[in-house]
Structures are given as C-alpha cells and as structure tokens.
C-alpha atoms as a PDB file:
ATOM      1  CA  MET A   1     -43.935  -6.542 -72.492  1.00  0.00           C
ATOM      2  CA  ASN A   2     -40.060  -5.615 -72.276  1.00  0.00           C
ATOM      3  CA  THR A   3     -39.273  -4.685 -75.721  1.00  0.00           C
ATOM      4  CA  ALA A   4     -35.752  -3.951 -74.687  1.00  0.00           C
ATOM      5  CA  ILE A   5     -34.997  -7.665 -74.602  1.00  0.00           C
ATOM      6  CA  PRO A   6     -34.410  -8.086 -78.293  1.00  0.00           C
ATOM      7  CA  VAL A   7     -32.117  -5.055 -78.323  1.00  0.00           C
ATOM      8  CA  ASP A   8     -30.120  -6.312 -75.511  1.00  0.00           C
ATOM      9  CA  ARG A   9     -29.629  -9.668 -77.138  1.00  0.00           C
ATOM     10  CA  ILE A  10     -28.019  -7.991 -80.293  1.00  0.00           C
ATOM     11  CA  ALA A  11     -25.860  -5.827 -78.301  1.00  0.00           C
ATOM     12  CA  GLU A  12     -24.738  -8.942 -76.463  1.00  0.00           C
ATOM     13  CA  ALA A  13     -24.324 -10.950 -79.482  1.00  0.00           C
ATOM     14  CA  SER A  14     -20.723 -12.568 -80.306  1.00  0.00           C
ATOM     15  CA  PRO A  15     -19.113 -10.594 -82.956  1.00  0.00           C
ATOM     16  CA  ARG A  16     -19.843 -13.631 -85.387  1.00  0.00           C
ATOM     17  CA  SER A  17     -23.602 -13.401 -84.764  1.00  0.00           C
ATOM     18  CA  THR A  18     -23.257  -9.552 -84.976  1.00  0.00           C
ATOM     19  CA  ALA A  19     -21.884  -9.836 -88.479  1.00  0.00           C
ATOM     20  CA  ARG A  20     -24.122 -12.149 -89.726  1.00  0.00           C
ATOM     21  CA  ILE A  21     -27.041 -10.053 -88.554  1.00  0.00           C
ATOM     22  CA  ALA A  22     -25.502  -6.887 -89.982  1.00  0.00           C
ATOM     23  CA  GLY A  23     -25.078  -8.850 -93.157  1.00  0.00           C
ATOM     24  CA  VAL A  24     -28.985  -9.634 -93.396  1.00  0.00           C
ATOM     25  CA  LEU A  25     -29.746  -6.099 -92.662  1.00  0.00           C
ATOM     26  CA  TYR A  26     -27.371  -4.569 -95.466  1.00  0.00           C
ATOM     27  CA  LEU A  27     -28.812  -7.462 -97.742  1.00  0.00           C
ATOM     28  CA  ILE A  28     -32.553  -6.171 -97.069  1.00  0.00           C
ATOM     29  CA  ASN A  29     -31.134  -2.263 -97.426  1.00  0.00           C
ATOM     30  CA  ILE A  30     -29.872  -3.059-100.954  1.00  0.00           C
ATOM     31  CA  LEU A  31     -32.820  -5.042-102.234  1.00  0.00           C
ATOM     32  CA  THR A  32     -35.496  -2.243-100.827  1.00  0.00           C
ATOM     33  CA  GLY A  33     -33.550   0.369-102.499  1.00  0.00           C
ATOM     34  CA  VAL A  34     -33.345  -1.294-105.794  1.00  0.00           C
ATOM     35  CA  PHE A  35     -36.983  -2.018-105.722  1.00  0.00           C
ATOM     36  CA  ALA A  36     -38.048   1.588-104.278  1.00  0.00           C
ATOM     37  CA  GLN A  37     -35.716   3.198-107.048  1.00  0.00           C
ATOM     38  CA  GLY A  38     -35.988   0.708-109.855  1.00  0.00           C
ATOM     39  CA  PHE A  39     -39.373  -0.515-109.545  1.00  0.00           C
ATOM     40  CA  VAL A  40     -41.344   2.249-108.416  1.00  0.00           C
ATOM     41  CA  SER A  41     -39.736   5.812-108.874  1.00  0.00           C
ATOM     42  CA  ASP A  42     -38.212   5.063-112.243  1.00  0.00           C
ATOM     43  CA  ARG A  43     -41.157   3.643-113.458  1.00  0.00           C
ATOM     44  CA  LEU A  44     -43.616   6.118-112.499  1.00  0.00           C
ATOM     45  CA  VAL A  45     -41.453   9.320-112.865  1.00  0.00           C
ATOM     46  CA  ALA A  46     -40.988  10.420-116.510  1.00  0.00           C
ATOM     47  CA  SER A  47     -37.996  12.915-116.412  1.00  0.00           C
ATOM     48  CA  GLY A  48     -38.695  16.155-117.974  1.00  0.00           C
ATOM     49  CA  ASP A  49     -42.391  15.261-118.475  1.00  0.00           C
ATOM     50  CA  ALA A  50     -44.526  16.782-115.622  1.00  0.00           C
ATOM     51  CA  ALA A  51     -48.102  15.528-117.442  1.00  0.00           C
ATOM     52  CA  ALA A  52     -46.903  12.189-117.607  1.00  0.00           C
ATOM     53  CA  THR A  53     -45.293  11.824-114.271  1.00  0.00           C
ATOM     54  CA  ALA A  54     -48.649  13.407-112.521  1.00  0.00           C
ATOM     55  CA  ALA A  55     -50.864  10.733-114.499  1.00  0.00           C
ATOM     56  CA  ASN A  56     -48.379   7.899-113.586  1.00  0.00           C
ATOM     57  CA  ILE A  57     -48.520   8.888-109.956  1.00  0.00           C
ATOM     58  CA  LEU A  58     -52.526   9.395-109.863  1.00  0.00           C
ATOM     59  CA  ALA A  59     -52.822   6.060-111.397  1.00  0.00           C
ATOM     60  CA  HIS A  60     -50.704   4.322-109.453  1.00  0.00           C
ATOM     61  CA  GLU A  61     -50.911   5.919-106.099  1.00  0.00           C
ATOM     62  CA  SER A  62     -50.950   2.901-104.058  1.00  0.00           C
ATOM     63  CA  LEU A  63     -47.602   1.711-105.626  1.00  0.00           C
ATOM     64  CA  PHE A  64     -46.110   4.983-105.377  1.00  0.00           C
ATOM     65  CA  ARG A  65     -47.012   4.939-101.296  1.00  0.00           C
ATOM     66  CA  LEU A  66     -45.499   1.686-101.078  1.00  0.00           C
ATOM     67  CA  GLY A  67     -42.287   3.255-102.515  1.00  0.00           C
ATOM     68  CA  PHE A  68     -42.291   5.675-100.100  1.00  0.00           C
ATOM     69  CA  ALA A  69     -42.597   3.107 -97.426  1.00  0.00           C
ATOM     70  CA  VAL A  70     -39.870   0.954 -98.589  1.00  0.00           C
ATOM     71  CA  TYR A  71     -37.357   4.103 -98.915  1.00  0.00           C
ATOM     72  CA  LEU A  72     -38.175   4.377 -94.869  1.00  0.00           C
ATOM     73  CA  ILE A  73     -37.326   0.686 -94.500  1.00  0.00           C
ATOM     74  CA  GLU A  74     -34.248   1.154 -96.707  1.00  0.00           C
ATOM     75  CA  MET A  75     -33.031   3.912 -94.262  1.00  0.00           C
ATOM     76  CA  ALA A  76     -34.044   1.978 -90.838  1.00  0.00           C
ATOM     77  CA  CYS A  77     -32.003  -0.796 -92.244  1.00  0.00           C
ATOM     78  CA  GLN A  78     -29.349   1.268 -93.083  1.00  0.00           C
ATOM     79  CA  VAL A  79     -29.215   2.841 -89.553  1.00  0.00           C
ATOM     80  CA  ALA A  80     -29.342  -0.601 -88.140  1.00  0.00           C
ATOM     81  CA  VAL A  81     -26.381  -1.884 -90.296  1.00  0.00           C
ATOM     82  CA  THR A  82     -24.265   1.471 -89.481  1.00  0.00           C
ATOM     83  CA  VAL A  83     -24.685   0.683 -85.781  1.00  0.00           C
ATOM     84  CA  LEU A  84     -23.406  -3.000 -85.913  1.00  0.00           C
ATOM     85  CA  LEU A  85     -20.661  -2.123 -88.231  1.00  0.00           C
ATOM     86  CA  TYR A  86     -19.429   0.510 -85.721  1.00  0.00           C
ATOM     87  CA  LYS A  87     -19.638  -2.280 -82.993  1.00  0.00           C
ATOM     88  CA  LEU A  88     -17.863  -4.849 -85.301  1.00  0.00           C
ATOM     89  CA  LEU A  89     -15.061  -2.670 -86.669  1.00  0.00           C
ATOM     90  CA  LYS A  90     -14.427  -0.486 -83.881  1.00  0.00           C
ATOM     91  CA  PRO A  91     -11.268  -2.891 -82.578  1.00  0.00           C
ATOM     92  CA  ALA A  92      -9.402  -1.895 -86.010  1.00  0.00           C
ATOM     93  CA  GLY A  93     -10.045   1.883 -84.816  1.00  0.00           C
ATOM     94  CA  ARG A  94     -12.614   3.477 -82.537  1.00  0.00           C
ATOM     95  CA  SER A  95     -12.215   7.037 -83.668  1.00  0.00           C
ATOM     96  CA  VAL A  96     -12.236   6.118 -87.564  1.00  0.00           C
ATOM     97  CA  SER A  97     -15.005   3.818 -86.581  1.00  0.00           C
ATOM     98  CA  LEU A  98     -16.853   6.504 -84.799  1.00  0.00           C
ATOM     99  CA  LEU A  99     -16.147   9.022 -87.649  1.00  0.00           C
ATOM    100  CA  ALA A 100     -17.658   6.688 -90.219  1.00  0.00           C
ATOM    101  CA  ALA A 101     -20.735   5.848 -88.459  1.00  0.00           C
ATOM    102  CA  SER A 102     -21.340   9.374 -88.252  1.00  0.00           C
ATOM    103  CA  LEU A 103     -20.750  10.309 -91.392  1.00  0.00           C
ATOM    104  CA  SER A 104     -23.293   7.342 -92.440  1.00  0.00           C
ATOM    105  CA  LEU A 105     -26.015   8.959 -90.262  1.00  0.00           C
ATOM    106  CA  VAL A 106     -25.612  12.202 -91.758  1.00  0.00           C
ATOM    107  CA  GLY A 107     -26.194  10.550 -95.156  1.00  0.00           C
ATOM    108  CA  ILE A 108     -29.078   8.779 -93.877  1.00  0.00           C
ATOM    109  CA  ALA A 109     -30.754  11.993 -92.329  1.00  0.00           C
ATOM    110  CA  VAL A 110     -30.107  13.743 -95.831  1.00  0.00           C
ATOM    111  CA  LYS A 111     -31.476  11.191 -97.753  1.00  0.00           C
ATOM    112  CA  THR A 112     -34.571  10.427 -95.328  1.00  0.00           C
ATOM    113  CA  VAL A 113     -35.403  14.529 -95.149  1.00  0.00           C
ATOM    114  CA  GLY A 114     -35.280  14.448 -99.115  1.00  0.00           C
ATOM    115  CA  ARG A 115     -37.831  11.502 -98.957  1.00  0.00           C
ATOM    116  CA  LEU A 116     -40.256  14.144 -97.682  1.00  0.00           C
ATOM    117  CA  PHE A 117     -40.167  15.581-101.372  1.00  0.00           C
ATOM    118  CA  TYR A 118     -40.909  11.902-102.779  1.00  0.00           C
ATOM    119  CA  ILE A 119     -44.227  11.969-100.945  1.00  0.00           C
ATOM    120  CA  ALA A 120     -45.316  15.309-101.250  1.00  0.00           C
ATOM    121  CA  PRO A 121     -46.487  15.330-104.705  1.00  0.00           C
ATOM    122  CA  LEU A 122     -49.316  13.465-103.441  1.00  0.00           C
ATOM    123  CA  LEU A 123     -50.158  16.707-101.584  1.00  0.00           C
ATOM    124  CA  VAL A 124     -49.800  18.775-104.720  1.00  0.00           C
ATOM    125  CA  LEU A 125     -51.810  16.454-106.868  1.00  0.00           C
ATOM    126  CA  GLY A 126     -54.554  15.756-104.399  1.00  0.00           C
ATOM    127  CA  GLY A 127     -57.193  18.288-105.262  1.00  0.00           C
ATOM    128  CA  ALA A 128     -57.123  20.551-102.044  1.00  0.00           C
ATOM    129  CA  SER A 129     -59.330  23.510-102.341  1.00  0.00           C
ATOM    130  CA  TYR A 130     -56.448  25.533-101.089  1.00  0.00           C
ATOM    131  CA  LEU A 131     -54.399  24.426-104.319  1.00  0.00           C
ATOM    132  CA  SER A 132     -57.242  25.858-106.511  1.00  0.00           C
ATOM    133  CA  VAL A 133     -55.273  29.178-106.948  1.00  0.00           C
ATOM    134  CA  PHE A 134     -52.665  27.444-109.173  1.00  0.00           C
ATOM    135  CA  THR A 135     -53.472  25.928-112.690  1.00  0.00           C
ATOM    136  CA  ALA A 136     -53.460  22.105-113.064  1.00  0.00           C
ATOM    137  CA  GLU A 137     -50.298  22.634-115.491  1.00  0.00           C
ATOM    138  CA  GLN A 138     -48.459  24.539-112.435  1.00  0.00           C
ATOM    139  CA  LEU A 139     -49.322  21.981-109.949  1.00  0.00           C
ATOM    140  CA  ARG A 140     -48.005  18.939-112.521  1.00  0.00           C
ATOM    141  CA  ALA A 141     -44.617  21.340-112.865  1.00  0.00           C
ATOM    142  CA  LEU A 142     -44.521  21.534-109.178  1.00  0.00           C
ATOM    143  CA  ALA A 143     -44.703  17.747-108.262  1.00  0.00           C
ATOM    144  CA  LEU A 144     -42.029  17.190-110.692  1.00  0.00           C
ATOM    145  CA  LEU A 145     -39.951  19.639-109.178  1.00  0.00           C
ATOM    146  CA  LEU A 146     -40.243  18.472-105.651  1.00  0.00           C
ATOM    147  CA  LEU A 147     -39.480  14.905-107.183  1.00  0.00           C
ATOM    148  CA  GLU A 148     -36.349  16.550-108.538  1.00  0.00           C
ATOM    149  CA  VAL A 149     -35.393  17.802-105.140  1.00  0.00           C
ATOM    150  CA  ASN A 150     -35.967  14.258-103.940  1.00  0.00           C
ATOM    151  CA  GLU A 151     -33.404  12.942-106.423  1.00  0.00           C
ATOM    152  CA  LYS A 152     -30.844  15.800-105.497  1.00  0.00           C
ATOM    153  CA  GLY A 153     -31.347  14.971-101.824  1.00  0.00           C
ATOM    154  CA  ALA A 154     -30.794  11.504-102.232  1.00  0.00           C
ATOM    155  CA  ALA A 155     -27.521  12.190-104.311  1.00  0.00           C
ATOM    156  CA  ILE A 156     -26.351  14.463-101.897  1.00  0.00           C
ATOM    157  CA  GLY A 157     -26.840  11.452 -99.336  1.00  0.00           C
ATOM    158  CA  LEU A 158     -24.934   9.406-101.540  1.00  0.00           C
ATOM    159  CA  ILE A 159     -21.618  11.623-100.950  1.00  0.00           C
ATOM    160  CA  PHE A 160     -21.522  11.144 -97.037  1.00  0.00           C
ATOM    161  CA  PHE A 161     -21.962   7.555 -97.942  1.00  0.00           C
ATOM    162  CA  GLY A 162     -19.194   7.262-100.169  1.00  0.00           C
ATOM    163  CA  PHE A 163     -16.959   8.937 -97.281  1.00  0.00           C
ATOM    164  CA  TYR A 164     -18.348   6.313 -95.001  1.00  0.00           C
ATOM    165  CA  ALA A 165     -17.369   3.666 -97.507  1.00  0.00           C
ATOM    166  CA  VAL A 166     -13.785   4.874 -97.743  1.00  0.00           C
ATOM    167  CA  LEU A 167     -13.310   4.635 -94.072  1.00  0.00           C
ATOM    168  CA  LYS A 168     -15.309   1.397 -93.533  1.00  0.00           C
ATOM    169  CA  GLY A 169     -12.878  -0.229 -95.957  1.00  0.00           C
ATOM    170  CA  TYR A 170      -9.755   1.326 -94.545  1.00  0.00           C
ATOM    171  CA  LEU A 171     -11.187  -0.161 -91.179  1.00  0.00           C
ATOM    172  CA  ILE A 172     -11.703  -3.467 -92.958  1.00  0.00           C
ATOM    173  CA  ILE A 173      -7.833  -3.398 -94.531  1.00  0.00           C
ATOM    174  CA  ARG A 174      -6.629  -2.685 -90.856  1.00  0.00           C
ATOM    175  CA  SER A 175      -8.709  -5.476 -89.279  1.00  0.00           C
ATOM    176  CA  THR A 176      -7.375  -8.850 -88.859  1.00  0.00           C
ATOM    177  CA  PHE A 177     -10.680 -10.734 -88.621  1.00  0.00           C
ATOM    178  CA  LEU A 178     -11.942  -9.885 -92.312  1.00  0.00           C
ATOM    179  CA  PRO A 179     -10.440 -10.381 -95.739  1.00  0.00           C
ATOM    180  CA  ARG A 180      -8.592  -7.148 -96.995  1.00  0.00           C
ATOM    181  CA  ILE A 181      -9.815  -7.481-100.436  1.00  0.00           C
ATOM    182  CA  LEU A 182     -13.496  -6.787 -98.786  1.00  0.00           C
ATOM    183  CA  GLY A 183     -12.030  -3.249 -97.660  1.00  0.00           C
ATOM    184  CA  VAL A 184     -10.350  -2.673-100.891  1.00  0.00           C
ATOM    185  CA  LEU A 185     -13.612  -2.992-102.932  1.00  0.00           C
ATOM    186  CA  ALA A 186     -15.453  -0.937-100.548  1.00  0.00           C
ATOM    187  CA  VAL A 187     -12.833   1.887-100.814  1.00  0.00           C
ATOM    188  CA  LEU A 188     -13.225   1.647-104.525  1.00  0.00           C
ATOM    189  CA  ALA A 189     -16.992   1.734-104.088  1.00  0.00           C
ATOM    190  CA  GLY A 190     -16.830   4.543-101.924  1.00  0.00           C
ATOM    191  CA  LEU A 191     -14.497   6.513-104.567  1.00  0.00           C
ATOM    192  CA  GLY A 192     -17.179   5.913-106.833  1.00  0.00           C
ATOM    193  CA  LEU A 193     -19.799   7.879-104.749  1.00  0.00           C
ATOM    194  CA  LEU A 194     -17.815  10.778-104.365  1.00  0.00           C
ATOM    195  CA  THR A 195     -17.884  11.437-107.865  1.00  0.00           C
ATOM    196  CA  PHE A 196     -21.618  13.234-106.675  1.00  0.00           C
ATOM    197  CA  LEU A 197     -19.361  15.732-105.000  1.00  0.00           C
ATOM    198  CA  HIS A 198     -19.668  17.281-108.669  1.00  0.00           C
ATOM    199  CA  LEU A 199     -23.384  16.180-109.084  1.00  0.00           C
ATOM    200  CA  PRO A 200     -23.470  16.087-113.202  1.00  0.00           C
ATOM    201  CA  LEU A 201     -20.540  14.172-113.065  1.00  0.00           C
ATOM    202  CA  GLY A 202     -21.951  11.735-110.663  1.00  0.00           C
ATOM    203  CA  TYR A 203     -25.150  11.541-112.651  1.00  0.00           C
ATOM    204  CA  ARG A 204     -23.067  10.927-115.704  1.00  0.00           C
ATOM    205  CA  LEU A 205     -20.758   8.179-114.298  1.00  0.00           C
ATOM    206  CA  PHE A 206     -23.753   6.543-112.114  1.00  0.00           C
ATOM    207  CA  PRO A 207     -23.890   3.402-114.185  1.00  0.00           C
ATOM    208  CA  TYR A 208     -20.222   2.637-113.307  1.00  0.00           C
ATOM    209  CA  THR A 209     -20.532   3.791-109.892  1.00  0.00           C
ATOM    210  CA  ALA A 210     -23.394   1.376-109.383  1.00  0.00           C
ATOM    211  CA  ALA A 211     -21.429  -1.300-110.445  1.00  0.00           C
ATOM    212  CA  LEU A 212     -18.516  -0.487-108.338  1.00  0.00           C
ATOM    213  CA  GLY A 213     -21.185  -0.247-105.493  1.00  0.00           C
ATOM    214  CA  LEU A 214     -22.476  -3.856-105.852  1.00  0.00           C
ATOM    215  CA  LEU A 215     -18.718  -4.968-106.518  1.00  0.00           C
ATOM    216  CA  GLY A 216     -18.140  -3.574-103.024  1.00  0.00           C
ATOM    217  CA  SER A 217     -21.298  -4.783-101.458  1.00  0.00           C
ATOM    218  CA  VAL A 218     -22.203  -8.254-102.618  1.00  0.00           C
ATOM    219  CA  PRO A 219     -19.115  -9.942-101.720  1.00  0.00           C
ATOM    220  CA  GLN A 220     -19.299  -8.049 -98.103  1.00  0.00           C
ATOM    221  CA  ILE A 221     -22.583  -9.230 -97.553  1.00  0.00           C
ATOM    222  CA  LEU A 222     -22.057 -12.785 -98.486  1.00  0.00           C
ATOM    223  CA  TRP A 223     -19.151 -12.883 -96.529  1.00  0.00           C
ATOM    224  CA  LEU A 224     -20.930 -11.417 -93.476  1.00  0.00           C
ATOM    225  CA  ILE A 225     -24.064 -13.634 -93.741  1.00  0.00           C
ATOM    226  CA  VAL A 226     -22.028 -17.249 -94.457  1.00  0.00           C
ATOM    227  CA  VAL A 227     -18.692 -16.769 -92.699  1.00  0.00           C
ATOM    228  CA  GLY A 228     -19.026 -13.707 -90.232  1.00  0.00           C
ATOM    229  CA  VAL A 229     -15.511 -12.845 -88.688  1.00  0.00           C
ATOM    230  CA  ASN A 230     -13.121 -14.741 -87.295  1.00  0.00           C
ATOM    231  CA  GLU A 231     -13.898 -14.308 -83.551  1.00  0.00           C
ATOM    232  CA  GLN A 232     -10.466 -15.312 -82.015  1.00  0.00           C
ATOM    233  CA  ARG A 233      -8.725 -12.323 -84.205  1.00  0.00           C
ATOM    234  CA  TRP A 234     -11.708 -10.177 -83.509  1.00  0.00           C
ATOM    235  CA  LYS A 235     -11.060 -10.612 -79.625  1.00  0.00           C
ATOM    236  CA  GLU A 236      -7.525 -10.468 -79.971  1.00  0.00           C
ATOM    237  CA  GLN A 237      -7.280  -7.161 -81.852  1.00  0.00           C
ATOM    238  CA  ALA A 238     -10.318  -5.817 -79.352  1.00  0.00           C
ATOM    239  CA  GLY A 239      -8.059  -6.635 -76.539  1.00  0.00           C
ATOM    240  CA  ALA A 240      -5.137  -4.847 -77.875  1.00  0.00           C
ATOM    241  CA  ALA A 241      -7.304  -1.849 -78.411  1.00  0.00           C
ATOM    242  CA  ARG A 242      -8.261  -1.576 -75.052  1.00  0.00           C
ATOM    243  CA  GLY A 243      -4.744  -2.291 -73.734  1.00  0.00           C
ATOM    244  CA  PHE A 244      -3.270   0.492 -76.009  1.00  0.00           C
END
C-alpha cells in the first residue's frame, strides 16, 4: 500500500482546499489542547499538594494516560497546521513564512519534550523495586515536581508560539487573499503569549492571554474552514512573488 498518495494529494491541493484542511486541523489542535489541559491535567493535578496529586493520578491512571495521548495528537496537528499555513502564506513573504514555521516547530519540540515530564510521574509512582530507596512522601513530591517541569516546558513553548503568531499575523495582513482583521487578531494573540517571556507575568495574565488567543484563533479557524482563501488573489500574489 502506497502511503505517500494521501500526502501527495494534500501537497497538490488547491489553496482553498489547503486552507480548509488547515482550518480543520487547527480546530482539532485547539480542542485536544483544551481537553488534555482542562479536563485531565487541571482535574488531576492539585497545585502544591503532592499527596492529592499522586492519589488522583493513581486513581485515574487511564484518564491520565489518555491525557498524554491527546497531548501528542495536539502536537501532531500543530505540526500539520504549521506546514500547511507555511505553504498557504508563502506568497505573502517566503522568508518570513519560513521563519514563522521554524519558530512554531521549535515551540512544538519544546512542548513535546516537556510532555515527557507529564507522563514520568507514572514511573515514579509505579512502585518499582529500585524506587524503594525513596520514601512515599519523597516519591509524591518528585511526581509533583515533574509535573511542574512539564508546565514550565509548555509555558516556554508558548513563547515560540507567540513569535509565530505575530509573524503569521503580519503575513496575513500583507496577503491579498485573507481578511486583514484576521492578521491583526493573530498579532494581538501573539503579543499576549509573549508575556511568558517573564513566566510570573505570563501566569498572572493567562486568563486574558487565553481570551486573546481564542479571539485570534476562532475567527481564523472559521474563515479557513468556511471560506478558505481567495484563490485568484492567492495565485496572483504567488505569481508576483515568483517573478520578484
């Protein structure tokens, strides 16, 4: 069976089809992230309480593992969205689009590595014989520490996504085939994520940052899925970029 066929079809898809595929994957990316964070991690991890966190994880191990799997699906979708939007926005600025995609991929790598610390508490709390040198209290504290590292890794990833969103917004504003307001909203969302350059500030402002993120993402997703792009203008700008 030739698995390259679906990939080739995506690569050869029209700009409008590419935009709609990107929009669907972008939506899945957002939904999986909300589920894994809001309905799994936030539910099981008790901030500052190692004993309660350990008890929650062991009592809901299947849910905890599901959260990890969903986190990975989130990152896989984000890779796909990054690649598709790079292709879509390249006519508005090849170098900037490449830089934006590179920053997004770095953020994805950082966030994915951080997720190893999310799943690591299952090893720490698993009762392996080589862990008998530690007390139960120490193991619970270590599990919570690993989860904290996971959260910090995710926050660092958001910084790269912030730079990505600003550059993506700039490209949308420069484009002739997408509404400029989508670019403005993307820039604002990116600036919100850049508050994580100072982690305490980022965490303090996160409710507002999350609202800005949704304001930037939801209209973009809906436009990509429902409308796509203006293919004629996309081809005109792509042709002009090649001629230049």
